[in-house]
Amino acid sequence: MKNRLIDILKGEFLVSEDAVKNWRFILFASALAILMIASSHSVDRKVLLISRLNDEVKELKSEYVDTRATMQQMKLESAIMARLKDKGVKQSEIPPKKIVIAESNIK
């Protein structure tokens, strides 16, 4: 047991006669470690992108709500009349009349 530990610390398992299978395993483990690290970085990038896109969606929703509220205020009759007051356009005092055309008169 003591000799094995000393051999490992000295690195004798890398230069012995059956070192080829040890090197293969070390290379395999290194490749797996690199693959795991690359995968982790890829996931981190995607998480940051998703977070940034969620923030942008929230901002755009807020802008949409503000714009919609402003448009609704601009569509009000009182707001339209206030803007047209400068041009001399006034609201009619006489209500509009509905014109009804009987079907028998249509040719």
N, C-alpha and C. Protein backbone atom coordinates (compact mmCIF):
# COMPACT_ATOMS: atom_id res chain seq x y z
N MET A 1 0.83 -1.19 0.00
CA MET A 1 0.00 0.00 0.00
C MET A 1 0.87 1.25 0.00
N LYS A 2 1.88 1.24 0.87
CA LYS A 2 2.78 2.39 0.97
C LYS A 2 3.59 2.56 -0.31
N ASN A 3 4.02 1.44 -0.88
CA ASN A 3 4.80 1.48 -2.11
C ASN A 3 3.96 2.02 -3.28
N ARG A 4 2.69 1.63 -3.35
CA ARG A 4 1.81 2.11 -4.41
C ARG A 4 1.62 3.62 -4.32
N LEU A 5 1.43 4.13 -3.11
CA LEU A 5 1.24 5.56 -2.92
C LEU A 5 2.50 6.32 -3.32
N ILE A 6 3.63 5.79 -2.96
CA ILE A 6 4.91 6.44 -3.33
C ILE A 6 5.09 6.39 -4.85
N ASP A 7 4.73 5.28 -5.49
CA ASP A 7 4.83 5.18 -6.95
C ASP A 7 3.94 6.21 -7.65
N ILE A 8 2.75 6.39 -7.10
CA ILE A 8 1.83 7.38 -7.69
C ILE A 8 2.39 8.78 -7.53
N LEU A 9 2.90 9.09 -6.34
CA LEU A 9 3.46 10.42 -6.10
C LEU A 9 4.70 10.69 -6.97
N LYS A 10 5.49 9.67 -7.22
CA LYS A 10 6.68 9.84 -8.06
C LYS A 10 6.33 9.87 -9.54
N GLY A 11 5.14 9.39 -9.90
CA GLY A 11 4.72 9.37 -11.30
C GLY A 11 5.19 8.14 -12.03
N GLU A 12 5.53 7.10 -11.31
CA GLU A 12 6.04 5.88 -11.93
C GLU A 12 4.95 5.19 -12.78
N PHE A 13 3.69 5.43 -12.48
CA PHE A 13 2.63 4.78 -13.24
C PHE A 13 2.56 5.34 -14.66
N LEU A 14 3.22 6.49 -14.90
CA LEU A 14 3.22 7.08 -16.24
C LEU A 14 4.37 6.58 -17.11
N VAL A 15 5.41 6.01 -16.49
CA VAL A 15 6.58 5.58 -17.27
C VAL A 15 6.81 4.07 -17.20
N SER A 16 5.95 3.36 -16.55
CA SER A 16 6.12 1.91 -16.44
C SER A 16 5.76 1.24 -17.77
N GLU A 17 5.91 -0.08 -17.83
CA GLU A 17 5.67 -0.82 -19.07
C GLU A 17 4.22 -0.76 -19.53
N ASP A 18 3.27 -0.79 -18.61
CA ASP A 18 1.85 -0.75 -18.98
C ASP A 18 1.28 0.68 -18.86
N ALA A 19 2.13 1.65 -19.09
CA ALA A 19 1.72 3.06 -18.96
C ALA A 19 0.79 3.49 -20.09
N VAL A 20 0.77 2.76 -21.20
CA VAL A 20 -0.06 3.15 -22.34
C VAL A 20 -1.53 3.20 -21.94
N LYS A 21 -1.99 2.19 -21.20
CA LYS A 21 -3.41 2.21 -20.80
C LYS A 21 -3.67 3.32 -19.78
N ASN A 22 -2.68 3.66 -18.98
CA ASN A 22 -2.85 4.78 -18.04
C ASN A 22 -2.95 6.11 -18.81
N TRP A 23 -2.09 6.28 -19.82
CA TRP A 23 -2.13 7.51 -20.62
C TRP A 23 -3.45 7.62 -21.38
N ARG A 24 -3.95 6.51 -21.89
CA ARG A 24 -5.23 6.53 -22.59
C ARG A 24 -6.34 7.02 -21.66
N PHE A 25 -6.35 6.48 -20.44
CA PHE A 25 -7.38 6.89 -19.48
C PHE A 25 -7.23 8.36 -19.12
N ILE A 26 -5.99 8.82 -18.93
CA ILE A 26 -5.77 10.23 -18.59
C ILE A 26 -6.23 11.14 -19.72
N LEU A 27 -5.94 10.78 -20.95
CA LEU A 27 -6.39 11.57 -22.09
C LEU A 27 -7.91 11.55 -22.22
N PHE A 28 -8.51 10.39 -21.99
CA PHE A 28 -9.96 10.28 -22.03
C PHE A 28 -10.60 11.16 -20.95
N ALA A 29 -10.08 11.10 -19.73
CA ALA A 29 -10.62 11.91 -18.64
C ALA A 29 -10.42 13.40 -18.92
N SER A 30 -9.29 13.76 -19.52
CA SER A 30 -9.04 15.17 -19.86
C SER A 30 -10.03 15.65 -20.93
N ALA A 31 -10.28 14.81 -21.92
CA ALA A 31 -11.23 15.18 -22.98
C ALA A 31 -12.63 15.36 -22.40
N LEU A 32 -13.02 14.47 -21.49
CA LEU A 32 -14.33 14.62 -20.86
C LEU A 32 -14.41 15.90 -20.03
N ALA A 33 -13.34 16.23 -19.33
CA ALA A 33 -13.32 17.45 -18.52
C ALA A 33 -13.45 18.68 -19.41
N ILE A 34 -12.74 18.70 -20.54
CA ILE A 34 -12.83 19.84 -21.47
C ILE A 34 -14.23 19.94 -22.04
N LEU A 35 -14.83 18.81 -22.38
CA LEU A 35 -16.19 18.80 -22.90
C LEU A 35 -17.18 19.34 -21.87
N MET A 36 -17.03 18.94 -20.62
CA MET A 36 -17.92 19.43 -19.57
C MET A 36 -17.76 20.94 -19.36
N ILE A 37 -16.54 21.43 -19.38
CA ILE A 37 -16.29 22.86 -19.20
C ILE A 37 -16.90 23.65 -20.35
N ALA A 38 -16.73 23.17 -21.58
CA ALA A 38 -17.30 23.86 -22.74
C ALA A 38 -18.83 23.87 -22.67
N SER A 39 -19.40 22.75 -22.27
CA SER A 39 -20.85 22.67 -22.13
C SER A 39 -21.35 23.64 -21.07
N SER A 40 -20.64 23.74 -19.98
CA SER A 40 -21.02 24.66 -18.90
C SER A 40 -20.98 26.10 -19.37
N HIS A 41 -19.94 26.47 -20.13
CA HIS A 41 -19.84 27.83 -20.63
C HIS A 41 -20.97 28.13 -21.62
N SER A 42 -21.30 27.16 -22.44
CA SER A 42 -22.40 27.33 -23.39
C SER A 42 -23.72 27.56 -22.66
N VAL A 43 -23.96 26.81 -21.63
CA VAL A 43 -25.19 26.97 -20.84
C VAL A 43 -25.22 28.34 -20.18
N ASP A 44 -24.10 28.78 -19.65
CA ASP A 44 -24.03 30.09 -19.01
C ASP A 44 -24.36 31.21 -20.01
N ARG A 45 -23.81 31.11 -21.23
CA ARG A 45 -24.10 32.10 -22.25
C ARG A 45 -25.59 32.12 -22.58
N LYS A 46 -26.19 30.95 -22.68
CA LYS A 46 -27.62 30.88 -23.01
C LYS A 46 -28.48 31.44 -21.89
N VAL A 47 -28.09 31.18 -20.65
CA VAL A 47 -28.85 31.72 -19.51
C VAL A 47 -28.78 33.24 -19.50
N LEU A 48 -27.61 33.80 -19.76
CA LEU A 48 -27.47 35.25 -19.82
C LEU A 48 -28.29 35.85 -20.96
N LEU A 49 -28.29 35.17 -22.11
CA LEU A 49 -29.08 35.65 -23.24
C LEU A 49 -30.56 35.62 -22.93
N ILE A 50 -31.03 34.56 -22.29
CA ILE A 50 -32.45 34.46 -21.92
C ILE A 50 -32.80 35.56 -20.93
N SER A 51 -31.95 35.82 -19.97
CA SER A 51 -32.20 36.88 -19.00
C SER A 51 -32.28 38.24 -19.68
N ARG A 52 -31.35 38.50 -20.60
CA ARG A 52 -31.34 39.78 -21.31
C ARG A 52 -32.61 39.93 -22.16
N LEU A 53 -33.02 38.85 -22.82
CA LEU A 53 -34.23 38.90 -23.65
C LEU A 53 -35.48 39.09 -22.81
N ASN A 54 -35.53 38.47 -21.63
CA ASN A 54 -36.67 38.66 -20.73
C ASN A 54 -36.76 40.12 -20.29
N ASP A 55 -35.62 40.73 -19.98
CA ASP A 55 -35.62 42.14 -19.60
C ASP A 55 -36.12 43.01 -20.75
N GLU A 56 -35.69 42.69 -21.96
CA GLU A 56 -36.12 43.46 -23.13
C GLU A 56 -37.63 43.30 -23.36
N VAL A 57 -38.15 42.09 -23.16
CA VAL A 57 -39.59 41.86 -23.32
C VAL A 57 -40.37 42.68 -22.29
N LYS A 58 -39.90 42.70 -21.06
CA LYS A 58 -40.58 43.49 -20.02
C LYS A 58 -40.58 44.97 -20.38
N GLU A 59 -39.44 45.46 -20.87
CA GLU A 59 -39.34 46.86 -21.26
C GLU A 59 -40.27 47.19 -22.41
N LEU A 60 -40.34 46.30 -23.41
CA LEU A 60 -41.22 46.53 -24.56
C LEU A 60 -42.69 46.46 -24.16
N LYS A 61 -43.04 45.58 -23.24
CA LYS A 61 -44.43 45.52 -22.76
C LYS A 61 -44.80 46.81 -22.05
N SER A 62 -43.88 47.32 -21.24
CA SER A 62 -44.13 48.58 -20.53
C SER A 62 -44.30 49.73 -21.53
N GLU A 63 -43.45 49.77 -22.54
CA GLU A 63 -43.55 50.81 -23.57
C GLU A 63 -44.88 50.70 -24.31
N TYR A 64 -45.31 49.47 -24.59
CA TYR A 64 -46.58 49.26 -25.27
C TYR A 64 -47.74 49.78 -24.44
N VAL A 65 -47.73 49.49 -23.15
CA VAL A 65 -48.82 49.94 -22.27
C VAL A 65 -48.84 51.47 -22.22
N ASP A 66 -47.68 52.09 -22.10
CA ASP A 66 -47.62 53.56 -22.05
C ASP A 66 -48.12 54.17 -23.36
N THR A 67 -47.70 53.61 -24.47
CA THR A 67 -48.11 54.13 -25.77
C THR A 67 -49.61 53.95 -25.98
N ARG A 68 -50.13 52.82 -25.56
CA ARG A 68 -51.57 52.56 -25.70
C ARG A 68 -52.38 53.54 -24.86
N ALA A 69 -51.93 53.82 -23.64
CA ALA A 69 -52.63 54.77 -22.78
C ALA A 69 -52.59 56.17 -23.40
N THR A 70 -51.45 56.57 -23.95
CA THR A 70 -51.34 57.88 -24.59
C THR A 70 -52.27 57.97 -25.80
N MET A 71 -52.32 56.91 -26.60
CA MET A 71 -53.19 56.90 -27.78
C MET A 71 -54.66 56.99 -27.37
N GLN A 72 -55.04 56.30 -26.32
CA GLN A 72 -56.43 56.35 -25.87
C GLN A 72 -56.79 57.75 -25.40
N GLN A 73 -55.86 58.43 -24.76
CA GLN A 73 -56.11 59.80 -24.34
C GLN A 73 -56.25 60.72 -25.56
N MET A 74 -55.46 60.48 -26.58
CA MET A 74 -55.51 61.32 -27.78
C MET A 74 -56.79 61.09 -28.57
N LYS A 75 -57.40 59.92 -28.45
CA LYS A 75 -58.63 59.60 -29.20
C LYS A 75 -59.88 60.17 -28.55
N LEU A 76 -59.77 60.64 -27.32
CA LEU A 76 -60.96 61.18 -26.65
C LEU A 76 -61.49 62.40 -27.39
N GLU A 77 -62.80 62.53 -27.41
CA GLU A 77 -63.43 63.64 -28.12
C GLU A 77 -62.97 64.99 -27.57
N SER A 78 -62.83 65.07 -26.27
CA SER A 78 -62.42 66.34 -25.67
C SER A 78 -61.00 66.71 -26.10
N ALA A 79 -60.11 65.73 -26.21
CA ALA A 79 -58.74 66.01 -26.63
C ALA A 79 -58.71 66.44 -28.09
N ILE A 80 -59.52 65.80 -28.92
CA ILE A 80 -59.58 66.16 -30.34
C ILE A 80 -60.13 67.57 -30.49
N MET A 81 -61.17 67.90 -29.76
CA MET A 81 -61.76 69.24 -29.83
C MET A 81 -60.78 70.30 -29.35
N ALA A 82 -60.00 69.99 -28.34
CA ALA A 82 -59.01 70.96 -27.85
C ALA A 82 -57.94 71.23 -28.91
N ARG A 83 -57.52 70.21 -29.65
CA ARG A 83 -56.51 70.41 -30.70
C ARG A 83 -57.09 71.16 -31.90
N LEU A 84 -58.37 70.92 -32.21
CA LEU A 84 -58.98 71.57 -33.36
C LEU A 84 -59.49 72.97 -33.05
N LYS A 85 -59.52 73.35 -31.79
CA LYS A 85 -59.99 74.67 -31.38
C LYS A 85 -59.12 75.75 -32.01
N ASP A 86 -57.82 75.52 -32.09
CA ASP A 86 -56.91 76.50 -32.68
C ASP A 86 -57.20 76.73 -34.16
N LYS A 87 -57.73 75.74 -34.84
CA LYS A 87 -58.02 75.85 -36.27
C LYS A 87 -59.42 76.39 -36.54
N GLY A 88 -60.17 76.68 -35.49
CA GLY A 88 -61.50 77.24 -35.64
C GLY A 88 -62.60 76.21 -35.82
N VAL A 89 -62.33 74.95 -35.65
CA VAL A 89 -63.35 73.90 -35.78
C VAL A 89 -64.05 73.75 -34.44
N LYS A 90 -65.41 73.81 -34.50
CA LYS A 90 -66.20 73.68 -33.27
C LYS A 90 -67.11 72.47 -33.38
N GLN A 91 -67.58 72.04 -32.23
CA GLN A 91 -68.52 70.93 -32.20
C GLN A 91 -69.89 71.44 -32.62
N SER A 92 -70.59 70.64 -33.40
CA SER A 92 -71.90 71.04 -33.90
C SER A 92 -72.90 71.05 -32.76
N GLU A 93 -73.77 72.07 -32.78
CA GLU A 93 -74.82 72.19 -31.77
C GLU A 93 -76.01 71.30 -32.14
N ILE A 94 -76.16 71.04 -33.45
CA ILE A 94 -77.29 70.26 -33.95
C ILE A 94 -76.81 68.81 -34.08
N PRO A 95 -77.53 67.89 -33.46
CA PRO A 95 -77.12 66.50 -33.55
C PRO A 95 -77.32 65.97 -34.99
N PRO A 96 -76.53 65.00 -35.39
CA PRO A 96 -76.67 64.47 -36.75
C PRO A 96 -77.97 63.70 -36.92
N LYS A 97 -78.45 63.68 -38.16
CA LYS A 97 -79.69 62.95 -38.46
C LYS A 97 -79.33 61.71 -39.27
N LYS A 98 -80.06 60.65 -39.02
CA LYS A 98 -79.82 59.40 -39.71
C LYS A 98 -80.62 59.40 -41.01
N ILE A 99 -79.96 59.06 -42.10
CA ILE A 99 -80.62 58.99 -43.40
C ILE A 99 -80.95 57.53 -43.67
N VAL A 100 -82.24 57.27 -43.92
CA VAL A 100 -82.69 55.90 -44.18
C VAL A 100 -83.19 55.83 -45.61
N ILE A 101 -82.67 54.88 -46.35
CA ILE A 101 -83.08 54.68 -47.74
C ILE A 101 -83.87 53.39 -47.79
N ALA A 102 -85.07 53.48 -48.29
CA ALA A 102 -85.93 52.31 -48.40
C ALA A 102 -85.42 51.43 -49.54
N GLU A 103 -85.55 50.14 -49.38
CA GLU A 103 -85.03 49.18 -50.39
C GLU A 103 -85.78 49.31 -51.73
N SER A 104 -87.02 49.73 -51.71
CA SER A 104 -87.79 49.82 -52.95
C SER A 104 -87.26 50.92 -53.87
N ASN A 105 -86.55 51.90 -53.33
CA ASN A 105 -86.01 53.00 -54.15
C ASN A 105 -84.66 52.64 -54.79
N ILE A 106 -84.04 51.56 -54.36
CA ILE A 106 -82.73 51.17 -54.90
C ILE A 106 -82.92 50.39 -56.19
N LYS A 107 -82.26 50.80 -57.26
CA LYS A 107 -82.42 50.11 -58.56
C LYS A 107 -81.14 49.47 -58.95
